[in-house]
Amino acid sequence: MQDDFRIVLSADNIENLQTFSSILNKDINKMLNEALEEYFENAQKKLLEKNLEDDSAMTNLDFNEFWDDVDI
């Protein structure tokens, strides 16, 4: 990891972290890690869906396109 790596959170997010940490009796670092894990899972699902749609768009041919140039 880089030495100059920093994470900057908005004041609202910091306040929410403190509030929910108190309400849920949960460590803020644990909450951040859980939130990031969920974010990355959702982002990966979206990327996979997009890749499937892109692949599908490249391979879907209509009837005439599929049979064009086929001699029977």
PDB file of N, CA and C in Angstrom:
ATOM      1  N   MET A   1       0.839  -1.173   0.000  1.00  0.00           N
ATOM      2  CA  MET A   1       0.000   0.000   0.000  1.00  0.00           C
ATOM      3  C   MET A   1       0.884   1.236   0.000  1.00  0.00           C
ATOM      4  N   GLN A   2       0.425   2.277  -0.647  1.00  0.00           N
ATOM      5  CA  GLN A   2       1.196   3.506  -0.737  1.00  0.00           C
ATOM      6  C   GLN A   2       1.201   4.240   0.599  1.00  0.00           C
ATOM      7  N   ASP A   3       2.300   4.939   0.872  1.00  0.00           N
ATOM      8  CA  ASP A   3       2.404   5.701   2.113  1.00  0.00           C
ATOM      9  C   ASP A   3       1.483   6.912   2.127  1.00  0.00           C
ATOM     10  N   ASP A   4       1.167   7.465   0.955  1.00  0.00           N
ATOM     11  CA  ASP A   4       0.337   8.666   0.888  1.00  0.00           C
ATOM     12  C   ASP A   4      -1.152   8.357   0.718  1.00  0.00           C
ATOM     13  N   PHE A   5      -1.544   7.130   0.931  1.00  0.00           N
ATOM     14  CA  PHE A   5      -2.936   6.702   0.795  1.00  0.00           C
ATOM     15  C   PHE A   5      -3.769   7.290   1.936  1.00  0.00           C
ATOM     16  N   ARG A   6      -4.843   7.988   1.570  1.00  0.00           N
ATOM     17  CA  ARG A   6      -5.732   8.575   2.574  1.00  0.00           C
ATOM     18  C   ARG A   6      -7.183   8.346   2.186  1.00  0.00           C
ATOM     19  N   ILE A   7      -8.008   8.194   3.164  1.00  0.00           N
ATOM     20  CA  ILE A   7      -9.449   8.101   2.937  1.00  0.00           C
ATOM     21  C   ILE A   7     -10.075   9.335   3.575  1.00  0.00           C
ATOM     22  N   VAL A   8     -10.889  10.051   2.808  1.00  0.00           N
ATOM     23  CA  VAL A   8     -11.543  11.253   3.307  1.00  0.00           C
ATOM     24  C   VAL A   8     -13.047  10.998   3.295  1.00  0.00           C
ATOM     25  N   LEU A   9     -13.690  11.169   4.428  1.00  0.00           N
ATOM     26  CA  LEU A   9     -15.127  10.960   4.552  1.00  0.00           C
ATOM     27  C   LEU A   9     -15.812  12.297   4.797  1.00  0.00           C
ATOM     28  N   SER A  10     -17.025  12.419   4.291  1.00  0.00           N
ATOM     29  CA  SER A  10     -17.789  13.640   4.531  1.00  0.00           C
ATOM     30  C   SER A  10     -18.205  13.700   6.002  1.00  0.00           C
ATOM     31  N   ALA A  11     -18.520  14.885   6.452  1.00  0.00           N
ATOM     32  CA  ALA A  11     -18.954  15.074   7.840  1.00  0.00           C
ATOM     33  C   ALA A  11     -20.218  14.263   8.124  1.00  0.00           C
ATOM     34  N   ASP A  12     -21.128  14.215   7.146  1.00  0.00           N
ATOM     35  CA  ASP A  12     -22.362  13.435   7.325  1.00  0.00           C
ATOM     36  C   ASP A  12     -22.063  11.958   7.517  1.00  0.00           C
ATOM     37  N   ASN A  13     -21.131  11.422   6.725  1.00  0.00           N
ATOM     38  CA  ASN A  13     -20.784  10.007   6.861  1.00  0.00           C
ATOM     39  C   ASN A  13     -20.104   9.724   8.196  1.00  0.00           C
ATOM     40  N   ILE A  14     -19.272  10.612   8.637  1.00  0.00           N
ATOM     41  CA  ILE A  14     -18.620  10.432   9.935  1.00  0.00           C
ATOM     42  C   ILE A  14     -19.659  10.442  11.051  1.00  0.00           C
ATOM     43  N   GLU A  15     -20.582  11.389  10.958  1.00  0.00           N
ATOM     44  CA  GLU A  15     -21.649  11.461  11.981  1.00  0.00           C
ATOM     45  C   GLU A  15     -22.501  10.200  11.966  1.00  0.00           C
ATOM     46  N   ASN A  16     -22.849   9.720  10.772  1.00  0.00           N
ATOM     47  CA  ASN A  16     -23.646   8.492  10.674  1.00  0.00           C
ATOM     48  C   ASN A  16     -22.880   7.288  11.206  1.00  0.00           C
ATOM     49  N   LEU A  17     -21.604   7.216  10.922  1.00  0.00           N
ATOM     50  CA  LEU A  17     -20.789   6.113  11.454  1.00  0.00           C
ATOM     51  C   LEU A  17     -20.802   6.120  12.975  1.00  0.00           C
ATOM     52  N   GLN A  18     -20.618   7.287  13.542  1.00  0.00           N
ATOM     53  CA  GLN A  18     -20.610   7.382  15.007  1.00  0.00           C
ATOM     54  C   GLN A  18     -21.976   7.041  15.584  1.00  0.00           C
ATOM     55  N   THR A  19     -23.017   7.540  14.962  1.00  0.00           N
ATOM     56  CA  THR A  19     -24.381   7.283  15.455  1.00  0.00           C
ATOM     57  C   THR A  19     -24.720   5.802  15.377  1.00  0.00           C
ATOM     58  N   PHE A  20     -24.499   5.204  14.201  1.00  0.00           N
ATOM     59  CA  PHE A  20     -24.850   3.789  14.041  1.00  0.00           C
ATOM     60  C   PHE A  20     -23.928   2.876  14.831  1.00  0.00           C
ATOM     61  N   SER A  21     -22.702   3.276  14.999  1.00  0.00           N
ATOM     62  CA  SER A  21     -21.798   2.501  15.840  1.00  0.00           C
ATOM     63  C   SER A  21     -22.335   2.427  17.253  1.00  0.00           C
ATOM     64  N   SER A  22     -22.837   3.547  17.731  1.00  0.00           N
ATOM     65  CA  SER A  22     -23.403   3.598  19.084  1.00  0.00           C
ATOM     66  C   SER A  22     -24.699   2.802  19.163  1.00  0.00           C
ATOM     67  N   ILE A  23     -25.582   2.995  18.199  1.00  0.00           N
ATOM     68  CA  ILE A  23     -26.883   2.309  18.194  1.00  0.00           C
ATOM     69  C   ILE A  23     -26.705   0.800  18.084  1.00  0.00           C
ATOM     70  N   LEU A  24     -25.832   0.365  17.172  1.00  0.00           N
ATOM     71  CA  LEU A  24     -25.650  -1.060  16.913  1.00  0.00           C
ATOM     72  C   LEU A  24     -24.593  -1.699  17.805  1.00  0.00           C
ATOM     73  N   ASN A  25     -23.923  -0.865  18.590  1.00  0.00           N
ATOM     74  CA  ASN A  25     -22.827  -1.343  19.436  1.00  0.00           C
ATOM     75  C   ASN A  25     -21.810  -2.116  18.592  1.00  0.00           C
ATOM     76  N   LYS A  26     -21.390  -1.469  17.502  1.00  0.00           N
ATOM     77  CA  LYS A  26     -20.506  -2.108  16.534  1.00  0.00           C
ATOM     78  C   LYS A  26     -19.305  -1.208  16.274  1.00  0.00           C
ATOM     79  N   ASP A  27     -18.144  -1.815  16.089  1.00  0.00           N
ATOM     80  CA  ASP A  27     -16.924  -1.082  15.791  1.00  0.00           C
ATOM     81  C   ASP A  27     -17.036  -0.396  14.424  1.00  0.00           C
ATOM     82  N   ILE A  28     -16.605   0.862  14.345  1.00  0.00           N
ATOM     83  CA  ILE A  28     -16.686   1.621  13.098  1.00  0.00           C
ATOM     84  C   ILE A  28     -15.886   0.948  11.990  1.00  0.00           C
ATOM     85  N   ASN A  29     -14.715   0.437  12.283  1.00  0.00           N
ATOM     86  CA  ASN A  29     -13.909  -0.238  11.258  1.00  0.00           C
ATOM     87  C   ASN A  29     -14.627  -1.464  10.710  1.00  0.00           C
ATOM     88  N   LYS A  30     -15.307  -2.196  11.573  1.00  0.00           N
ATOM     89  CA  LYS A  30     -16.071  -3.375  11.137  1.00  0.00           C
ATOM     90  C   LYS A  30     -17.210  -2.931  10.214  1.00  0.00           C
ATOM     91  N   MET A  31     -17.877  -1.837  10.578  1.00  0.00           N
ATOM     92  CA  MET A  31     -18.974  -1.329   9.743  1.00  0.00           C
ATOM     93  C   MET A  31     -18.459  -0.902   8.371  1.00  0.00           C
ATOM     94  N   LEU A  32     -17.320  -0.211   8.347  1.00  0.00           N
ATOM     95  CA  LEU A  32     -16.746   0.222   7.081  1.00  0.00           C
ATOM     96  C   LEU A  32     -16.362  -0.970   6.208  1.00  0.00           C
ATOM     97  N   ASN A  33     -15.742  -1.973   6.794  1.00  0.00           N
ATOM     98  CA  ASN A  33     -15.360  -3.169   6.039  1.00  0.00           C
ATOM     99  C   ASN A  33     -16.579  -3.896   5.493  1.00  0.00           C
ATOM    100  N   GLU A  34     -17.627  -4.026   6.308  1.00  0.00           N
ATOM    101  CA  GLU A  34     -18.854  -4.677   5.846  1.00  0.00           C
ATOM    102  C   GLU A  34     -19.477  -3.890   4.690  1.00  0.00           C
ATOM    103  N   ALA A  35     -19.504  -2.568   4.819  1.00  0.00           N
ATOM    104  CA  ALA A  35     -20.090  -1.727   3.776  1.00  0.00           C
ATOM    105  C   ALA A  35     -19.290  -1.839   2.478  1.00  0.00           C
ATOM    106  N   LEU A  36     -17.974  -1.843   2.591  1.00  0.00           N
ATOM    107  CA  LEU A  36     -17.135  -1.962   1.399  1.00  0.00           C
ATOM    108  C   LEU A  36     -17.280  -3.326   0.742  1.00  0.00           C
ATOM    109  N   GLU A  37     -17.371  -4.378   1.540  1.00  0.00           N
ATOM    110  CA  GLU A  37     -17.574  -5.719   0.982  1.00  0.00           C
ATOM    111  C   GLU A  37     -18.877  -5.775   0.194  1.00  0.00           C
ATOM    112  N   GLU A  38     -19.940  -5.206   0.763  1.00  0.00           N
ATOM    113  CA  GLU A  38     -21.231  -5.191   0.074  1.00  0.00           C
ATOM    114  C   GLU A  38     -21.144  -4.355  -1.210  1.00  0.00           C
ATOM    115  N   TYR A  39     -20.474  -3.218  -1.135  1.00  0.00           N
ATOM    116  CA  TYR A  39     -20.303  -2.365  -2.312  1.00  0.00           C
ATOM    117  C   TYR A  39     -19.578  -3.125  -3.429  1.00  0.00           C
ATOM    118  N   PHE A  40     -18.464  -3.787  -3.083  1.00  0.00           N
ATOM    119  CA  PHE A  40     -17.688  -4.495  -4.098  1.00  0.00           C
ATOM    120  C   PHE A  40     -18.459  -5.670  -4.684  1.00  0.00           C
ATOM    121  N   GLU A  41     -19.249  -6.375  -3.868  1.00  0.00           N
ATOM    122  CA  GLU A  41     -20.079  -7.472  -4.388  1.00  0.00           C
ATOM    123  C   GLU A  41     -21.087  -6.942  -5.392  1.00  0.00           C
ATOM    124  N   ASN A  42     -21.750  -5.828  -5.049  1.00  0.00           N
ATOM    125  CA  ASN A  42     -22.737  -5.236  -5.960  1.00  0.00           C
ATOM    126  C   ASN A  42     -22.081  -4.721  -7.232  1.00  0.00           C
ATOM    127  N   ALA A  43     -20.923  -4.090  -7.102  1.00  0.00           N
ATOM    128  CA  ALA A  43     -20.211  -3.580  -8.271  1.00  0.00           C
ATOM    129  C   ALA A  43     -19.795  -4.726  -9.185  1.00  0.00           C
ATOM    130  N   GLN A  44     -19.339  -5.832  -8.601  1.00  0.00           N
ATOM    131  CA  GLN A  44     -18.937  -6.987  -9.399  1.00  0.00           C
ATOM    132  C   GLN A  44     -20.137  -7.581 -10.131  1.00  0.00           C
ATOM    133  N   LYS A  45     -21.288  -7.674  -9.452  1.00  0.00           N
ATOM    134  CA  LYS A  45     -22.498  -8.184 -10.100  1.00  0.00           C
ATOM    135  C   LYS A  45     -22.884  -7.309 -11.283  1.00  0.00           C
ATOM    136  N   LYS A  46     -22.828  -5.985 -11.096  1.00  0.00           N
ATOM    137  CA  LYS A  46     -23.172  -5.062 -12.179  1.00  0.00           C
ATOM    138  C   LYS A  46     -22.226  -5.231 -13.362  1.00  0.00           C
ATOM    139  N   LEU A  47     -20.934  -5.377 -13.078  1.00  0.00           N
ATOM    140  CA  LEU A  47     -19.958  -5.570 -14.156  1.00  0.00           C
ATOM    141  C   LEU A  47     -20.209  -6.872 -14.904  1.00  0.00           C
ATOM    142  N   LEU A  48     -20.516  -7.942 -14.157  1.00  0.00           N
ATOM    143  CA  LEU A  48     -20.801  -9.229 -14.804  1.00  0.00           C
ATOM    144  C   LEU A  48     -22.046  -9.135 -15.671  1.00  0.00           C
ATOM    145  N   GLU A  49     -23.088  -8.470 -15.160  1.00  0.00           N
ATOM    146  CA  GLU A  49     -24.314  -8.309 -15.942  1.00  0.00           C
ATOM    147  C   GLU A  49     -24.049  -7.491 -17.201  1.00  0.00           C
ATOM    148  N   LYS A  50     -23.262  -6.430 -17.065  1.00  0.00           N
ATOM    149  CA  LYS A  50     -22.932  -5.602 -18.221  1.00  0.00           C
ATOM    150  C   LYS A  50     -22.146  -6.407 -19.248  1.00  0.00           C
ATOM    151  N   ASN A  51     -21.188  -7.206 -18.779  1.00  0.00           N
ATOM    152  CA  ASN A  51     -20.407  -8.036 -19.699  1.00  0.00           C
ATOM    153  C   ASN A  51     -21.290  -9.037 -20.423  1.00  0.00           C
ATOM    154  N   LEU A  52     -22.247  -9.634 -19.686  1.00  0.00           N
ATOM    155  CA  LEU A  52     -23.173 -10.574 -20.323  1.00  0.00           C
ATOM    156  C   LEU A  52     -24.020  -9.876 -21.369  1.00  0.00           C
ATOM    157  N   GLU A  53     -24.503  -8.662 -21.047  1.00  0.00           N
ATOM    158  CA  GLU A  53     -25.306  -7.909 -22.006  1.00  0.00           C
ATOM    159  C   GLU A  53     -24.482  -7.547 -23.229  1.00  0.00           C
ATOM    160  N   ASP A  54     -23.235  -7.127 -23.013  1.00  0.00           N
ATOM    161  CA  ASP A  54     -22.355  -6.776 -24.129  1.00  0.00           C
ATOM    162  C   ASP A  54     -22.081  -7.990 -25.006  1.00  0.00           C
ATOM    163  N   ASP A  55     -21.804  -9.135 -24.382  1.00  0.00           N
ATOM    164  CA  ASP A  55     -21.567 -10.364 -25.142  1.00  0.00           C
ATOM    165  C   ASP A  55     -22.812 -10.767 -25.902  1.00  0.00           C
ATOM    166  N   SER A  56     -23.955 -10.637 -25.248  1.00  0.00           N
ATOM    167  CA  SER A  56     -25.216 -11.011 -25.869  1.00  0.00           C
ATOM    168  C   SER A  56     -25.512 -10.106 -27.061  1.00  0.00           C
ATOM    169  N   ALA A  57     -25.216  -8.830 -26.912  1.00  0.00           N
ATOM    170  CA  ALA A  57     -25.468  -7.891 -28.006  1.00  0.00           C
ATOM    171  C   ALA A  57     -24.600  -8.214 -29.215  1.00  0.00           C
ATOM    172  N   MET A  58     -23.416  -8.748 -28.975  1.00  0.00           N
ATOM    173  CA  MET A  58     -22.510  -9.066 -30.071  1.00  0.00           C
ATOM    174  C   MET A  58     -22.866 -10.385 -30.749  1.00  0.00           C
ATOM    175  N   THR A  59     -23.569 -11.259 -30.056  1.00  0.00           N
ATOM    176  CA  THR A  59     -23.836 -12.580 -30.614  1.00  0.00           C
ATOM    177  C   THR A  59     -25.283 -12.788 -31.040  1.00  0.00           C
ATOM    178  N   ASN A  60     -26.172 -11.905 -30.672  1.00  0.00           N
ATOM    179  CA  ASN A  60     -27.573 -12.070 -31.049  1.00  0.00           C
ATOM    180  C   ASN A  60     -27.794 -11.594 -32.475  1.00  0.00           C
ATOM    181  N   LEU A  61     -28.181 -12.514 -33.304  1.00  0.00           N
ATOM    182  CA  LEU A  61     -28.496 -12.204 -34.696  1.00  0.00           C
ATOM    183  C   LEU A  61     -29.968 -12.472 -34.924  1.00  0.00           C
ATOM    184  N   ASP A  62     -30.586 -11.645 -35.762  1.00  0.00           N
ATOM    185  CA  ASP A  62     -31.974 -11.958 -36.085  1.00  0.00           C
ATOM    186  C   ASP A  62     -31.998 -13.109 -37.092  1.00  0.00           C
ATOM    187  N   PHE A  63     -33.168 -13.598 -37.409  1.00  0.00           N
ATOM    188  CA  PHE A  63     -33.329 -14.775 -38.254  1.00  0.00           C
ATOM    189  C   PHE A  63     -32.618 -14.601 -39.597  1.00  0.00           C
ATOM    190  N   ASN A  64     -32.848 -13.464 -40.255  1.00  0.00           N
ATOM    191  CA  ASN A  64     -32.260 -13.239 -41.588  1.00  0.00           C
ATOM    192  C   ASN A  64     -30.743 -13.104 -41.512  1.00  0.00           C
ATOM    193  N   GLU A  65     -30.240 -12.449 -40.495  1.00  0.00           N
ATOM    194  CA  GLU A  65     -28.790 -12.325 -40.354  1.00  0.00           C
ATOM    195  C   GLU A  65     -28.146 -13.694 -40.160  1.00  0.00           C
ATOM    196  N   PHE A  66     -28.800 -14.542 -39.353  1.00  0.00           N
ATOM    197  CA  PHE A  66     -28.251 -15.856 -39.065  1.00  0.00           C
ATOM    198  C   PHE A  66     -28.195 -16.727 -40.325  1.00  0.00           C
ATOM    199  N   TRP A  67     -29.288 -16.730 -41.107  1.00  0.00           N
ATOM    200  CA  TRP A  67     -29.385 -17.618 -42.251  1.00  0.00           C
ATOM    201  C   TRP A  67     -28.846 -17.019 -43.537  1.00  0.00           C
ATOM    202  N   ASP A  68     -28.472 -15.744 -43.507  1.00  0.00           N
ATOM    203  CA  ASP A  68     -27.911 -15.106 -44.710  1.00  0.00           C
ATOM    204  C   ASP A  68     -26.652 -15.838 -45.132  1.00  0.00           C
ATOM    205  N   ASP A  69     -26.495 -16.057 -46.426  1.00  0.00           N
ATOM    206  CA  ASP A  69     -25.330 -16.733 -46.996  1.00  0.00           C
ATOM    207  C   ASP A  69     -25.253 -18.224 -46.663  1.00  0.00           C
ATOM    208  N   VAL A  70     -26.345 -18.822 -46.201  1.00  0.00           N
ATOM    209  CA  VAL A  70     -26.357 -20.264 -45.952  1.00  0.00           C
ATOM    210  C   VAL A  70     -27.038 -20.925 -47.132  1.00  0.00           C
ATOM    211  N   ASP A  71     -26.346 -21.824 -47.747  1.00  0.00           N
ATOM    212  CA  ASP A  71     -26.901 -22.561 -48.893  1.00  0.00           C
ATOM    213  C   ASP A  71     -27.350 -23.939 -48.429  1.00  0.00           C
ATOM    214  N   ILE A  72     -28.617 -24.246 -48.715  1.00  0.00           N
ATOM    215  CA  ILE A  72     -29.140 -25.555 -48.323  1.00  0.00           C
ATOM    216  C   ILE A  72     -29.469 -26.341 -49.565  1.00  0.00           C
TER     217      ILE A  72
END
